[in-house]
């Protein structure tokens, strides 16, 4: 087998976290070759205009 991450320029993790009876979607940039990026997890939502990420503050778990 080979390491797939070594072949990728960017890796994003998408989460659907459960807290009690509610869920929260989140995004984490694990790797983005050639670009500085925030590695913290941020809340996100799908809207009529597309994907909206709250990049101003990290997700508090």
N, C-alpha and C. Protein backbone atom coordinates (compact mmCIF):
# COMPACT_ATOMS: atom_id res chain seq x y z
N UNK A 1 0.84 -1.19 0.00
CA UNK A 1 0.00 0.00 0.00
C UNK A 1 0.88 1.25 0.00
N UNK A 2 0.29 2.35 -0.38
CA UNK A 2 1.00 3.62 -0.39
C UNK A 2 0.25 4.64 0.46
N UNK A 3 0.97 5.68 0.84
CA UNK A 3 0.40 6.72 1.68
C UNK A 3 -0.34 7.72 0.81
N UNK A 4 -1.66 7.70 0.82
CA UNK A 4 -2.47 8.58 -0.02
C UNK A 4 -2.26 10.05 0.34
N UNK A 5 -2.04 10.35 1.62
CA UNK A 5 -1.85 11.74 2.04
C UNK A 5 -0.64 12.37 1.38
N UNK A 6 0.39 11.59 1.10
CA UNK A 6 1.59 12.13 0.46
C UNK A 6 1.31 12.58 -0.97
N UNK A 7 0.29 12.02 -1.60
CA UNK A 7 -0.06 12.36 -2.98
C UNK A 7 -1.01 13.54 -3.09
N UNK A 8 -1.63 13.93 -1.97
CA UNK A 8 -2.66 14.98 -1.99
C UNK A 8 -2.07 16.34 -1.67
N UNK A 9 -2.58 17.37 -2.35
CA UNK A 9 -2.18 18.74 -2.04
C UNK A 9 -3.00 19.31 -0.89
N UNK A 10 -4.22 18.85 -0.75
CA UNK A 10 -5.07 19.36 0.32
C UNK A 10 -5.94 18.26 0.90
N UNK A 11 -6.12 18.30 2.22
CA UNK A 11 -6.97 17.33 2.90
C UNK A 11 -7.88 18.08 3.86
N UNK A 12 -9.18 17.90 3.67
CA UNK A 12 -10.19 18.50 4.54
C UNK A 12 -10.96 17.38 5.23
N UNK A 13 -11.24 17.56 6.52
CA UNK A 13 -12.10 16.63 7.24
C UNK A 13 -13.42 17.34 7.51
N UNK A 14 -14.50 16.65 7.22
CA UNK A 14 -15.84 17.16 7.51
C UNK A 14 -16.43 16.35 8.66
N UNK A 15 -17.05 17.03 9.61
CA UNK A 15 -17.60 16.38 10.79
C UNK A 15 -19.08 16.69 10.92
N UNK A 16 -19.80 15.77 11.52
CA UNK A 16 -21.19 15.95 11.91
C UNK A 16 -21.26 15.54 13.38
N UNK A 17 -21.03 16.50 14.26
CA UNK A 17 -20.86 16.24 15.69
C UNK A 17 -22.19 16.27 16.42
N UNK A 18 -22.37 15.35 17.35
CA UNK A 18 -23.60 15.29 18.14
C UNK A 18 -23.32 15.81 19.55
N UNK A 19 -24.20 16.67 20.01
CA UNK A 19 -24.13 17.20 21.37
C UNK A 19 -25.53 17.13 21.94
N UNK A 20 -25.79 16.14 22.77
CA UNK A 20 -27.14 15.95 23.29
C UNK A 20 -28.06 15.52 22.16
N UNK A 21 -29.12 16.31 21.92
CA UNK A 21 -30.08 15.99 20.87
C UNK A 21 -29.86 16.81 19.60
N UNK A 22 -28.81 17.60 19.57
CA UNK A 22 -28.55 18.42 18.38
C UNK A 22 -27.23 18.01 17.72
N UNK A 23 -27.06 18.44 16.49
CA UNK A 23 -25.84 18.16 15.74
C UNK A 23 -25.26 19.46 15.22
N UNK A 24 -23.94 19.46 15.06
CA UNK A 24 -23.25 20.62 14.51
C UNK A 24 -22.25 20.14 13.47
N UNK A 25 -22.27 20.79 12.32
CA UNK A 25 -21.31 20.45 11.27
C UNK A 25 -20.04 21.25 11.47
N UNK A 26 -18.90 20.62 11.14
CA UNK A 26 -17.62 21.30 11.30
C UNK A 26 -16.66 20.89 10.19
N UNK A 27 -15.64 21.73 9.98
CA UNK A 27 -14.63 21.50 8.96
C UNK A 27 -13.26 21.72 9.57
N UNK A 28 -12.30 20.91 9.16
CA UNK A 28 -10.91 21.03 9.62
C UNK A 28 -10.00 20.87 8.41
N UNK A 29 -9.08 21.83 8.23
CA UNK A 29 -8.09 21.72 7.16
C UNK A 29 -6.88 21.02 7.76
N UNK A 30 -6.65 19.80 7.33
CA UNK A 30 -5.55 19.00 7.87
C UNK A 30 -4.26 19.30 7.12
N UNK A 31 -4.37 19.49 5.81
CA UNK A 31 -3.19 19.74 4.99
C UNK A 31 -3.58 20.61 3.80
N UNK A 32 -2.77 21.62 3.51
CA UNK A 32 -2.97 22.44 2.32
C UNK A 32 -1.59 22.85 1.84
N UNK A 33 -1.06 22.06 0.93
CA UNK A 33 0.31 22.25 0.46
C UNK A 33 0.49 23.63 -0.18
N UNK A 34 1.55 24.31 0.24
CA UNK A 34 1.90 25.60 -0.34
C UNK A 34 1.09 26.76 0.18
N UNK A 35 0.29 26.56 1.21
CA UNK A 35 -0.54 27.64 1.75
C UNK A 35 -0.56 27.57 3.27
N UNK A 36 -0.46 28.73 3.89
CA UNK A 36 -0.64 28.78 5.33
C UNK A 36 -2.12 28.61 5.62
N UNK A 37 -2.45 27.84 6.65
CA UNK A 37 -3.86 27.62 6.95
C UNK A 37 -4.05 27.38 8.44
N UNK A 38 -5.25 27.61 8.86
CA UNK A 38 -5.65 27.40 10.25
C UNK A 38 -6.00 25.92 10.41
N UNK A 39 -5.36 25.24 11.33
CA UNK A 39 -5.60 23.81 11.52
C UNK A 39 -6.68 23.52 12.56
N UNK A 40 -7.29 24.57 13.11
CA UNK A 40 -8.34 24.36 14.11
C UNK A 40 -9.65 24.00 13.43
N UNK A 41 -10.53 23.36 14.16
CA UNK A 41 -11.85 22.97 13.65
C UNK A 41 -12.79 24.17 13.73
N UNK A 42 -13.56 24.40 12.65
CA UNK A 42 -14.50 25.52 12.59
C UNK A 42 -15.89 25.02 12.25
N UNK A 43 -16.90 25.69 12.79
CA UNK A 43 -18.27 25.32 12.48
C UNK A 43 -18.59 25.72 11.04
N UNK A 44 -19.51 24.99 10.44
CA UNK A 44 -19.91 25.28 9.06
C UNK A 44 -21.38 24.92 8.89
N UNK A 45 -21.95 25.45 7.82
CA UNK A 45 -23.33 25.09 7.48
C UNK A 45 -23.52 25.19 5.98
N UNK A 46 -24.46 24.42 5.49
CA UNK A 46 -24.84 24.48 4.08
C UNK A 46 -26.01 25.44 3.97
N UNK A 47 -25.88 26.44 3.11
CA UNK A 47 -26.93 27.43 2.91
C UNK A 47 -27.39 27.39 1.45
N UNK A 48 -28.37 28.20 1.12
CA UNK A 48 -28.82 28.29 -0.28
C UNK A 48 -27.72 28.84 -1.19
N UNK A 49 -26.78 29.60 -0.63
CA UNK A 49 -25.68 30.18 -1.41
C UNK A 49 -24.46 29.25 -1.47
N UNK A 50 -24.48 28.17 -0.71
CA UNK A 50 -23.36 27.23 -0.71
C UNK A 50 -22.87 26.96 0.70
N UNK A 51 -21.61 26.60 0.81
CA UNK A 51 -21.00 26.26 2.10
C UNK A 51 -20.55 27.53 2.80
N UNK A 52 -20.91 27.67 4.07
CA UNK A 52 -20.52 28.82 4.88
C UNK A 52 -19.72 28.32 6.07
N UNK A 53 -18.47 28.80 6.20
CA UNK A 53 -17.59 28.39 7.29
C UNK A 53 -17.36 29.58 8.21
N UNK A 54 -17.53 29.36 9.51
CA UNK A 54 -17.26 30.41 10.49
C UNK A 54 -15.76 30.40 10.78
N UNK A 55 -15.00 31.16 9.99
CA UNK A 55 -13.54 31.15 10.11
C UNK A 55 -13.03 32.11 11.18
N UNK A 56 -13.90 32.93 11.74
CA UNK A 56 -13.45 33.94 12.70
C UNK A 56 -13.09 33.36 14.05
N UNK A 57 -13.76 32.28 14.44
CA UNK A 57 -13.42 31.67 15.73
C UNK A 57 -13.55 30.15 15.62
N UNK A 58 -12.63 29.45 16.25
CA UNK A 58 -12.67 27.98 16.19
C UNK A 58 -13.85 27.41 16.96
N UNK A 59 -14.20 26.20 16.61
CA UNK A 59 -15.30 25.49 17.25
C UNK A 59 -14.93 25.16 18.68
N UNK A 60 -15.86 25.40 19.58
CA UNK A 60 -15.64 25.05 21.00
C UNK A 60 -16.40 23.77 21.28
N UNK A 61 -15.69 22.73 21.64
CA UNK A 61 -16.33 21.44 21.92
C UNK A 61 -16.64 21.29 23.39
